[in-house]
């Protein structure tokens, strides 16, 4: 049985978030949570919350053994980009891009 969770429009760069997500893809749920717990990246804390939400969704669906769950798929898509401008010398302006991300995770109990 599969369960999923998604997190949308978080203010983190998709490129930086993909580096963290790639480390937990295909791992068991306990192994993935332990890996993320000791990572210094800010996206690791959000991915931990997302994985726990997916586990709670699996429990709600009635999965018999939560410890057998593994990360079947997890991916990061780019969201809307907030565009801001900062004043520069001689009346010019520079563009500042503030990217957002969407993270989707699917857990499964059988390979």
Protein backbone atom coordinates (compact mmCIF):
# COMPACT_ATOMS: atom_id res chain seq x y z
CA UNK A 1 0.00 0.00 0.00
CA UNK A 2 1.25 3.45 -0.83
CA UNK A 3 0.87 6.74 0.94
CA UNK A 4 2.00 10.17 -0.12
CA UNK A 5 2.47 13.70 1.14
CA UNK A 6 3.47 16.94 -0.51
CA UNK A 7 4.86 20.26 0.61
CA UNK A 8 4.32 23.24 -1.67
CA UNK A 9 5.79 26.70 -2.03
CA UNK A 10 8.59 26.44 0.51
CA UNK A 11 11.13 29.24 0.34
CA UNK A 12 14.12 27.04 -0.50
CA UNK A 13 15.96 26.65 -3.75
CA UNK A 14 15.03 23.47 -5.63
CA UNK A 15 18.66 22.89 -6.56
CA UNK A 16 19.82 22.88 -2.94
CA UNK A 17 16.84 20.82 -1.81
CA UNK A 18 17.47 18.12 -4.45
CA UNK A 19 20.90 17.47 -2.94
CA UNK A 20 19.27 16.47 0.35
CA UNK A 21 16.40 14.54 -1.25
CA UNK A 22 18.76 12.39 -3.32
CA UNK A 23 20.30 10.97 -0.14
CA UNK A 24 17.07 9.43 1.17
CA UNK A 25 15.50 8.10 -2.04
CA UNK A 26 14.97 4.33 -1.81
CA UNK A 27 15.88 4.05 1.89
CA UNK A 28 13.77 2.64 4.68
CA UNK A 29 11.81 5.19 6.67
CA UNK A 30 13.88 4.86 9.87
CA UNK A 31 17.15 5.01 7.94
CA UNK A 32 15.97 8.08 6.02
CA UNK A 33 14.91 9.90 9.21
CA UNK A 34 18.23 9.10 10.90
CA UNK A 35 20.16 10.35 7.87
CA UNK A 36 18.23 13.62 7.77
CA UNK A 37 18.40 14.24 11.52
CA UNK A 38 22.14 14.92 11.42
CA UNK A 39 22.25 17.05 8.29
CA UNK A 40 22.96 20.78 8.70
CA UNK A 41 20.87 21.90 5.69
CA UNK A 42 17.65 23.80 6.45
CA UNK A 43 15.72 21.66 3.97
CA UNK A 44 16.48 18.50 6.00
CA UNK A 45 14.16 19.60 8.82
CA UNK A 46 11.29 20.21 6.40
CA UNK A 47 11.82 16.85 4.70
CA UNK A 48 11.73 15.13 8.12
CA UNK A 49 8.34 16.73 8.79
CA UNK A 50 7.14 15.69 5.33
CA UNK A 51 8.24 12.07 5.84
CA UNK A 52 6.51 11.94 9.22
CA UNK A 53 3.36 13.28 7.59
CA UNK A 54 3.51 10.55 4.94
CA UNK A 55 3.94 7.92 7.69
CA UNK A 56 0.90 9.34 9.50
CA UNK A 57 -1.05 9.14 6.23
CA UNK A 58 -0.01 5.49 5.89
CA UNK A 59 -1.19 4.76 9.44
CA UNK A 60 -4.49 6.44 8.64
CA UNK A 61 -4.91 4.22 5.57
CA UNK A 62 -4.30 1.15 7.71
CA UNK A 63 -0.82 -0.08 6.82
CA UNK A 64 -0.11 -3.14 8.96
CA UNK A 65 3.60 -2.49 9.69
CA UNK A 66 4.88 1.09 9.55
CA UNK A 67 8.49 -0.03 10.08
CA UNK A 68 8.49 -1.78 6.69
CA UNK A 69 7.81 1.45 4.80
CA UNK A 70 10.46 2.82 2.46
CA UNK A 71 10.76 5.94 0.32
CA UNK A 72 9.51 4.80 -3.07
CA UNK A 73 9.79 8.17 -4.75
CA UNK A 74 10.69 11.65 -3.62
CA UNK A 75 11.26 14.57 -5.94
CA UNK A 76 11.56 18.33 -5.91
CA UNK A 77 9.96 20.62 -8.48
CA UNK A 78 10.51 24.33 -8.86
CA UNK A 79 7.70 26.60 -7.78
CA UNK A 80 6.96 30.24 -8.41
CA UNK A 81 9.92 32.61 -8.29
CA UNK A 82 9.50 35.79 -6.28
CA UNK A 83 11.17 38.65 -8.14
CA UNK A 84 12.50 41.59 -6.16
CA UNK A 85 14.67 44.56 -7.05
CA UNK A 86 17.41 46.25 -5.08
CA UNK A 87 18.71 49.74 -5.89
CA UNK A 88 22.24 50.01 -7.26
CA UNK A 89 24.60 52.81 -8.17
CA UNK A 90 23.78 55.48 -10.75
CA UNK A 91 20.03 54.92 -10.66
CA UNK A 92 20.14 51.30 -11.74
CA UNK A 93 18.44 48.29 -10.16
CA UNK A 94 19.45 44.65 -9.83
CA UNK A 95 17.04 41.75 -9.90
CA UNK A 96 16.89 39.36 -6.94
CA UNK A 97 15.26 35.96 -7.55
CA UNK A 98 13.77 34.15 -4.55
CA UNK A 99 12.92 30.62 -5.72
CA UNK A 100 10.37 28.30 -4.14
CA UNK A 101 10.08 24.50 -4.20
CA UNK A 102 7.44 21.80 -4.22
CA UNK A 103 8.40 18.45 -2.62
CA UNK A 104 6.41 15.24 -3.24
CA UNK A 105 7.08 11.97 -1.40
CA UNK A 106 5.54 8.52 -1.85
CA UNK A 107 6.06 5.73 0.68
CA UNK A 108 5.42 2.06 -0.03
CA UNK A 109 5.59 -1.13 2.03
CA UNK A 110 6.49 -3.54 -0.79
CA UNK A 111 9.17 -3.31 -3.46
